[in-house]
Each structure stands twice: as C-alpha cells, then as structure tokens.
Amino acid sequence: MKQIRILVYIVIAIVAVTTLYNIQFKNKSTADRTSGTAESDVRYDFNDLPVKGMVTMIDLGATECVPCKMMAPILEKLETAYRDRAVIAFIDVWKHRDQAPRFGVRAIPTQVFFDPDGKEVYRHQGFMSEDAIVEQLTRMGVEKPAL
C-alpha cells in the first residue's frame, strides 16, 4: 500500500512538471522564443545569404527543435552584439524547406560560417554554445564585442 502511494506521488509530480514546462513554452509565441532569429529572417533575404563583404554565420534549424530553442537567445544576443561586424542569421528549414539542401543540411541545428567572399570556412552540427560561436568568429578575424 505504501509503495502504491509513493508511486502515485511520483506520477503526479511528473505530470505537474511536464504540464508546467509545456505551459511555459506554449504561452510564449514563436516570435518571443526566437525574437533575434526571427528578425534575421526579415533583415536578410535568403538569396542574399551569405552576405558579401561580411563574415556570415547562418544557423539552420527550426523554431520547434529543442537544441534550436536553446540557441535562440544566444543568437539573439550575438546578432545584436555583432550587428556591424558580422551577420548572424537564422533560417527555419521546416518552414523554408528549399534552404536545407541549398546549404547541405543533414541535421539540425547546423551552423555554417562564411568568409567575406562567401566561401564556407566552418560547419558545425548540433547545439553550439555562445563561447564556441564567438571563438569561431574571432578565428575568422571578427573583433570580439563586449558581451
């Protein structure tokens, strides 16, 4: 009897945590979760990416993929910090399916870094931390902003 009671409490706790987690993310609009990256969708025409004359990082993912959601605030912060130094753009490949093959995406998220001539210099698949992105941009000659 005691084991059943403990099991019931565990199930209730799991349901409560899951419900709160879902409420937290469902109450936020997709634009809120990806405000910086959504802005990148508007600032740059996909056909203009990579931007000639600028180091460009394109994050190819989806607003509903978990690692992509984790990267959204990082991209927003870096897009603002690097505004005049480099281009940080996001493309939702679930909404813009023609872009995945264009950039050779095999898994999401994928980050592709281009030099100012538009040549691919570095590619990463999976979650990429803020420090790793900043390090790659610095290796490409982009001055590190005060973060």
Protein backbone atom coordinates (compact mmCIF):
# COMPACT_ATOMS: atom_id res chain seq x y z
CA MET A 1 0.00 0.00 0.00
CA LYS A 2 2.82 2.38 0.90
CA GLN A 3 4.58 1.63 -2.40
CA ILE A 4 1.43 2.44 -4.38
CA ARG A 5 1.07 5.76 -2.57
CA ILE A 6 4.70 6.65 -3.37
CA LEU A 7 4.20 5.65 -6.99
CA VAL A 8 1.08 7.84 -7.22
CA TYR A 9 3.02 10.83 -5.81
CA ILE A 10 5.82 10.29 -8.32
CA VAL A 11 3.36 10.13 -11.23
CA ILE A 12 1.60 13.30 -10.02
CA ALA A 13 4.95 15.09 -9.72
CA ILE A 14 5.98 14.06 -13.24
CA VAL A 15 2.66 15.20 -14.69
CA ALA A 16 2.89 18.52 -12.83
CA VAL A 17 6.43 19.23 -14.01
CA THR A 18 5.58 18.28 -17.60
CA THR A 19 2.47 20.46 -17.56
CA LEU A 20 4.34 23.47 -16.17
CA TYR A 21 7.11 23.03 -18.73
CA ASN A 22 4.60 22.87 -21.60
CA ILE A 23 2.67 25.88 -20.30
CA GLN A 24 5.87 27.90 -20.09
CA PHE A 25 6.78 27.26 -23.73
CA LYS A 26 3.28 27.30 -25.20
CA ASN A 27 2.46 30.67 -23.62
CA LYS A 28 5.40 32.24 -25.38
CA SER A 29 4.88 32.91 -29.04
CA THR A 30 7.36 31.55 -31.52
CA ALA A 31 8.48 35.11 -32.18
CA ASP A 32 9.23 35.60 -28.47
CA ARG A 33 11.31 32.44 -28.31
CA THR A 34 13.28 33.40 -31.40
CA SER A 35 12.96 37.17 -31.46
CA GLY A 36 16.52 37.76 -32.62
CA THR A 37 16.47 34.96 -35.13
CA ALA A 38 13.07 35.92 -36.47
CA GLU A 39 14.45 39.41 -37.02
CA SER A 40 17.27 37.87 -39.06
CA ASP A 41 14.66 36.22 -41.28
CA VAL A 42 13.35 39.69 -42.07
CA ARG A 43 16.67 41.57 -42.25
CA TYR A 44 18.19 39.31 -44.89
CA ASP A 45 16.64 37.82 -47.97
CA PHE A 46 17.63 34.15 -48.09
CA ASN A 47 19.04 34.70 -51.57
CA ASP A 48 21.40 37.34 -50.14
CA LEU A 49 22.96 34.89 -47.69
CA PRO A 50 25.84 34.70 -47.16
CA VAL A 51 26.23 38.48 -47.23
CA LYS A 52 29.13 39.51 -49.48
CA GLY A 53 31.73 41.64 -47.73
CA MET A 54 30.78 40.40 -44.24
CA VAL A 55 31.62 37.32 -42.22
CA THR A 56 28.30 35.47 -42.04
CA MET A 57 27.07 32.79 -39.68
CA ILE A 58 23.85 31.06 -40.70
CA ASP A 59 22.08 28.89 -38.15
CA LEU A 60 19.84 26.43 -39.96
CA GLY A 61 17.29 24.91 -37.62
CA ALA A 62 13.64 25.07 -36.64
CA THR A 63 11.77 27.04 -34.03
CA GLU A 64 10.33 23.82 -32.61
CA CYS A 65 13.55 21.78 -32.27
CA VAL A 66 14.83 21.63 -28.68
CA PRO A 67 18.52 22.47 -29.31
CA CYS A 68 17.38 25.23 -31.69
CA LYS A 69 15.18 26.69 -28.93
CA MET A 70 18.17 26.61 -26.61
CA MET A 71 20.24 28.51 -29.17
CA ALA A 72 17.61 31.21 -29.88
CA PRO A 73 18.57 33.55 -27.01
CA ILE A 74 22.27 33.06 -27.80
CA LEU A 75 21.71 34.01 -31.45
CA GLU A 76 19.60 36.99 -30.43
CA LYS A 77 22.36 38.26 -28.13
CA LEU A 78 25.12 37.70 -30.69
CA GLU A 79 23.11 39.17 -33.56
CA THR A 80 22.81 42.40 -31.56
CA ALA A 81 26.42 42.37 -30.33
CA TYR A 82 27.90 41.72 -33.79
CA ARG A 83 25.42 43.89 -35.72
CA ASP A 84 28.03 45.96 -37.60
CA ARG A 85 30.82 43.38 -37.53
CA ALA A 86 29.26 40.17 -38.82
CA VAL A 87 25.94 38.79 -39.99
CA ILE A 88 24.20 36.28 -37.70
CA ALA A 89 21.15 34.85 -39.47
CA PHE A 90 18.64 32.10 -38.71
CA ILE A 91 16.71 30.07 -41.26
CA ASP A 92 13.86 27.82 -40.15
CA VAL A 93 14.35 24.90 -42.53
CA TRP A 94 10.99 23.37 -41.57
CA LYS A 95 9.24 26.49 -42.85
CA HIS A 96 11.68 27.14 -45.71
CA ARG A 97 12.39 23.61 -46.89
CA ASP A 98 14.27 24.71 -50.02
CA GLN A 99 17.06 26.18 -47.87
CA ALA A 100 18.20 22.88 -46.26
CA PRO A 101 19.51 21.33 -49.49
CA ARG A 102 20.92 24.68 -50.60
CA PHE A 103 23.21 24.70 -47.56
CA GLY A 104 23.73 20.93 -47.41
CA VAL A 105 21.93 20.47 -44.09
CA ARG A 106 21.83 16.87 -42.86
CA ALA A 107 20.84 17.54 -39.24
CA ILE A 108 19.51 20.49 -37.27
CA PRO A 109 20.70 22.73 -35.96
CA THR A 110 23.60 23.30 -38.34
CA GLN A 111 25.75 26.42 -38.20
CA VAL A 112 27.65 27.44 -41.31
CA PHE A 113 30.29 30.19 -41.22
CA PHE A 114 31.26 32.07 -44.39
CA ASP A 115 34.16 34.45 -45.01
CA PRO A 116 33.53 37.89 -46.57
CA ASP A 117 33.93 36.34 -50.05
CA GLY A 118 31.06 33.93 -49.36
CA LYS A 119 33.30 30.87 -49.04
CA GLU A 120 32.32 28.32 -46.40
CA VAL A 121 35.01 28.23 -43.72
CA TYR A 122 33.48 26.15 -40.91
CA ARG A 123 30.44 23.96 -40.31
CA HIS A 124 29.03 22.57 -37.06
CA GLN A 125 26.05 20.28 -36.41
CA GLY A 126 24.14 20.34 -33.14
CA PHE A 127 23.91 22.84 -30.31
CA MET A 128 26.71 25.41 -30.42
CA SER A 129 27.47 27.45 -27.31
CA GLU A 130 27.90 31.20 -27.26
CA ASP A 131 31.60 30.80 -26.44
CA ALA A 132 32.13 28.43 -29.38
CA ILE A 133 30.40 30.83 -31.80
CA VAL A 134 32.40 33.81 -30.52
CA GLU A 135 35.62 31.77 -30.77
CA GLN A 136 34.90 30.83 -34.39
CA LEU A 137 34.03 34.41 -35.35
CA THR A 138 37.25 35.61 -33.67
CA ARG A 139 39.28 32.99 -35.60
CA MET A 140 37.75 34.43 -38.75
CA GLY A 141 39.04 37.91 -37.87
CA VAL A 142 35.87 39.43 -36.44
CA GLU A 143 36.61 41.65 -33.45
CA LYS A 144 35.01 40.30 -30.29
CA PRO A 145 32.37 42.69 -28.91
CA ALA A 146 31.84 43.44 -25.24
CA LEU A 147 29.24 40.86 -24.26
